[in-house]
Amino acid sequence: MGGYVMVPGIGGSDERHWQVSWEREWGAAAVRIAPASWSAPDLDDWVAAVQTAYDKAAGQGGRVVLVAHSLGCWATAAWLARNPSAQVDGAFLVAPPDSDSTAFPREEAATFVDLAAEPLPCRVLVVASTDDPYCTPEKAADLAARWGARLRLVGARGHLNSASGLGAWPQGRELLDLLGVRE
């Protein structure tokens, strides 16, 4: 069966976030990363946390799906670039932030600033909204193209987080199915 590696953004996802809802639904099949640097993200720490969560999810047998939000998209992309032969069914990257944007937390996430988006070694779907304060639709399209991903814009939904009021985000689950990975 495999599992899901949940890769939230800065601070992790709160109880109203769609990632937490999905984790509850998937139970033990969902493994959340646990970096030591949640609020002052260090790329190496986050990538190591993705590795630890991947090892646990992969240990359940089968392939793994990476489900990332915000800065977690960059940690996921960095981990995939370092682990191109990992048994990954796909990466679901939601609301990746633009590190060149004035809204990007450059001081808190300094080790993420100079990352380049390169083709990723698995199926990837980038999901973005048309009014995300951290990433324009044009930049989301650019990131998707550079990652070798498909892009889905979901309208004006903000940063696709708790403040967006998505709840369990059924539209997101439909988009995850579009990625073409097993449920």
Protein backbone atom coordinates (compact mmCIF):
# COMPACT_ATOMS: atom_id res chain seq x y z
CA MET A 1 0.00 0.00 0.00
CA GLY A 2 2.71 2.53 0.86
CA GLY A 3 1.94 5.78 2.54
CA TYR A 4 1.79 9.52 2.44
CA VAL A 5 4.47 11.90 3.60
CA MET A 6 2.87 15.13 4.78
CA VAL A 7 5.17 18.14 4.38
CA PRO A 8 3.55 21.29 5.83
CA GLY A 9 4.90 24.80 5.58
CA ILE A 10 6.42 26.98 8.29
CA GLY A 11 5.15 26.07 11.74
CA GLY A 12 3.32 22.96 10.54
CA SER A 13 -0.38 22.80 9.72
CA ASP A 14 -2.94 23.71 12.38
CA GLU A 15 -6.06 21.70 13.22
CA ARG A 16 -8.18 23.50 10.58
CA HIS A 17 -5.74 22.79 7.74
CA TRP A 18 -6.68 20.33 4.98
CA GLN A 19 -3.41 18.41 5.55
CA VAL A 20 -4.46 17.61 9.12
CA SER A 21 -7.89 16.49 7.91
CA TRP A 22 -6.28 14.18 5.37
CA GLU A 23 -3.85 12.84 7.99
CA ARG A 24 -6.78 11.91 10.22
CA GLU A 25 -8.52 10.17 7.33
CA TRP A 26 -5.42 8.24 6.25
CA GLY A 27 -4.42 7.28 9.80
CA ALA A 28 -1.12 5.44 10.11
CA ALA A 29 -0.61 5.66 6.33
CA ALA A 30 0.12 9.40 6.72
CA VAL A 31 3.47 10.37 8.22
CA ARG A 32 4.11 14.05 8.98
CA ILE A 33 7.62 15.45 8.88
CA ALA A 34 9.00 16.67 12.22
CA PRO A 35 11.88 19.08 11.65
CA ALA A 36 13.50 20.74 14.66
CA SER A 37 13.29 24.07 12.83
CA TRP A 38 9.55 24.51 12.22
CA SER A 39 9.47 28.28 12.73
CA ALA A 40 13.01 29.13 11.55
CA PRO A 41 13.27 26.62 8.70
CA ASP A 42 16.65 25.14 7.87
CA LEU A 43 16.66 23.36 4.51
CA ASP A 44 18.97 20.53 5.58
CA ASP A 45 16.87 19.91 8.70
CA TRP A 46 13.66 19.83 6.66
CA VAL A 47 15.14 17.54 4.00
CA ALA A 48 16.35 15.19 6.75
CA ALA A 49 12.83 15.27 8.24
CA VAL A 50 11.37 14.34 4.84
CA GLN A 51 13.83 11.43 4.69
CA THR A 52 12.81 10.19 8.15
CA ALA A 53 9.10 10.41 7.27
CA TYR A 54 9.72 8.76 3.89
CA ASP A 55 11.56 5.87 5.54
CA LYS A 56 8.64 5.32 7.92
CA ALA A 57 6.01 5.56 5.14
CA ALA A 58 8.00 3.33 2.79
CA GLY A 59 8.44 0.80 5.59
CA GLN A 60 4.71 0.14 5.38
CA GLY A 61 5.32 -1.44 1.97
CA GLY A 62 4.63 0.01 -1.44
CA ARG A 63 5.37 3.39 -2.87
CA VAL A 64 4.97 6.80 -1.26
CA VAL A 65 3.12 9.99 -2.21
CA LEU A 66 4.53 13.31 -0.99
CA VAL A 67 1.84 15.85 -0.02
CA ALA A 68 3.36 19.29 0.51
CA HIS A 69 2.09 22.78 1.27
CA SER A 70 3.86 26.14 0.98
CA LEU A 71 7.53 26.00 2.02
CA GLY A 72 7.10 22.24 2.30
CA CYS A 73 6.97 22.19 -1.52
CA TRP A 74 10.56 23.41 -1.63
CA ALA A 75 11.68 20.90 1.01
CA THR A 76 9.96 18.16 -0.99
CA ALA A 77 11.59 19.27 -4.26
CA ALA A 78 15.01 19.44 -2.58
CA TRP A 79 14.55 15.95 -1.09
CA LEU A 80 13.45 14.53 -4.45
CA ALA A 81 16.44 16.11 -6.19
CA ARG A 82 18.75 14.41 -3.66
CA ASN A 83 16.87 11.07 -3.88
CA PRO A 84 15.97 10.54 -7.56
CA SER A 85 15.62 6.77 -7.22
CA ALA A 86 13.27 6.83 -4.22
CA GLN A 87 10.10 4.78 -4.61
CA VAL A 88 7.75 7.75 -4.97
CA ASP A 89 4.41 7.57 -6.80
CA GLY A 90 4.12 11.32 -7.02
CA ALA A 91 4.40 14.72 -5.41
CA PHE A 92 1.39 16.93 -4.73
CA LEU A 93 2.77 20.46 -4.29
CA VAL A 94 0.22 22.99 -3.04
CA ALA A 95 0.83 26.75 -2.94
CA PRO A 96 4.59 26.82 -3.44
CA PRO A 97 5.90 30.24 -2.42
CA ASP A 98 7.98 32.42 -4.72
CA SER A 99 11.29 33.08 -2.95
CA ASP A 100 11.71 36.26 -5.01
CA SER A 101 8.41 37.66 -3.70
CA THR A 102 8.45 40.44 -1.12
CA ALA A 103 6.03 38.28 0.92
CA PHE A 104 8.54 35.41 1.19
CA PRO A 105 9.96 35.08 4.74
CA ARG A 106 13.54 35.66 3.60
CA GLU A 107 15.02 36.01 7.10
CA GLU A 108 13.20 33.06 8.69
CA ALA A 109 13.76 30.76 5.70
CA ALA A 110 17.13 32.04 4.47
CA THR A 111 18.38 28.57 3.49
CA PHE A 112 15.43 28.20 1.09
CA VAL A 113 15.96 31.50 -0.76
CA ASP A 114 18.42 30.45 -3.47
CA LEU A 115 16.86 27.12 -4.44
CA ALA A 116 16.37 26.52 -8.15
CA ALA A 117 13.40 24.58 -9.49
CA GLU A 118 14.78 21.65 -11.51
CA PRO A 119 12.94 18.72 -13.14
CA LEU A 120 11.76 16.23 -10.51
CA PRO A 121 12.05 12.43 -10.89
CA CYS A 122 8.36 11.54 -10.42
CA ARG A 123 4.88 12.68 -11.36
CA VAL A 124 4.20 16.11 -9.91
CA LEU A 125 1.10 18.28 -9.69
CA VAL A 126 1.40 21.89 -8.60
CA VAL A 127 -1.82 23.38 -7.23
CA ALA A 128 -2.06 27.14 -6.86
CA SER A 129 -4.67 29.83 -6.41
CA THR A 130 -5.01 32.97 -8.46
CA ASP A 131 -4.66 35.31 -5.46
CA ASP A 132 -1.98 33.66 -3.33
CA PRO A 133 -0.05 36.46 -1.58
CA TYR A 134 3.12 34.33 -1.75
CA CYS A 135 3.03 33.37 -5.44
CA THR A 136 1.42 34.76 -8.58
CA PRO A 137 -0.27 32.38 -11.02
CA GLU A 138 2.47 33.21 -13.54
CA LYS A 139 5.22 32.23 -11.09
CA ALA A 140 3.31 29.06 -10.15
CA ALA A 141 3.19 28.18 -13.87
CA ASP A 142 6.93 28.86 -14.15
CA LEU A 143 7.71 26.65 -11.15
CA ALA A 144 5.50 23.87 -12.48
CA ALA A 145 7.24 24.02 -15.86
CA ARG A 146 10.70 23.95 -14.29
CA TRP A 147 9.75 21.05 -11.99
CA GLY A 148 8.29 19.15 -14.96
CA ALA A 149 4.87 19.25 -13.30
CA ARG A 150 1.29 19.75 -14.33
CA LEU A 151 -0.37 22.88 -12.96
CA ARG A 152 -3.90 23.36 -11.66
CA LEU A 153 -5.15 26.81 -10.72
CA VAL A 154 -8.12 26.62 -8.33
CA GLY A 155 -9.40 30.18 -8.45
CA ALA A 156 -9.13 32.87 -5.79
CA ARG A 157 -8.52 30.82 -2.63
CA GLY A 158 -5.59 32.64 -1.01
CA HIS A 159 -2.64 30.55 0.19
CA LEU A 160 -4.72 27.34 0.25
CA ASN A 161 -4.30 27.06 4.00
CA SER A 162 -6.53 27.25 7.08
CA ALA A 163 -7.32 30.91 6.40
CA SER A 164 -8.73 29.85 3.02
CA GLY A 165 -11.54 27.95 4.80
CA LEU A 166 -11.03 24.78 2.75
CA GLY A 167 -11.89 22.33 5.52
CA ALA A 168 -11.21 18.77 4.32
CA TRP A 169 -10.76 20.26 0.83
CA PRO A 170 -12.60 17.72 -1.34
CA GLN A 171 -11.44 19.58 -4.48
CA GLY A 172 -7.86 18.92 -3.36
CA ARG A 173 -8.59 15.20 -2.99
CA GLU A 174 -9.96 15.19 -6.54
CA LEU A 175 -6.77 16.91 -7.69
CA LEU A 176 -4.66 14.34 -5.86
CA ASP A 177 -6.51 11.69 -7.87
CA LEU A 178 -5.61 13.63 -11.03
CA LEU A 179 -1.98 13.10 -10.17
CA GLY A 180 -2.65 9.49 -11.08
CA VAL A 181 -1.41 7.89 -7.90
CA ARG A 182 -3.04 5.02 -6.06
CA GLU A 183 -5.48 5.68 -3.24
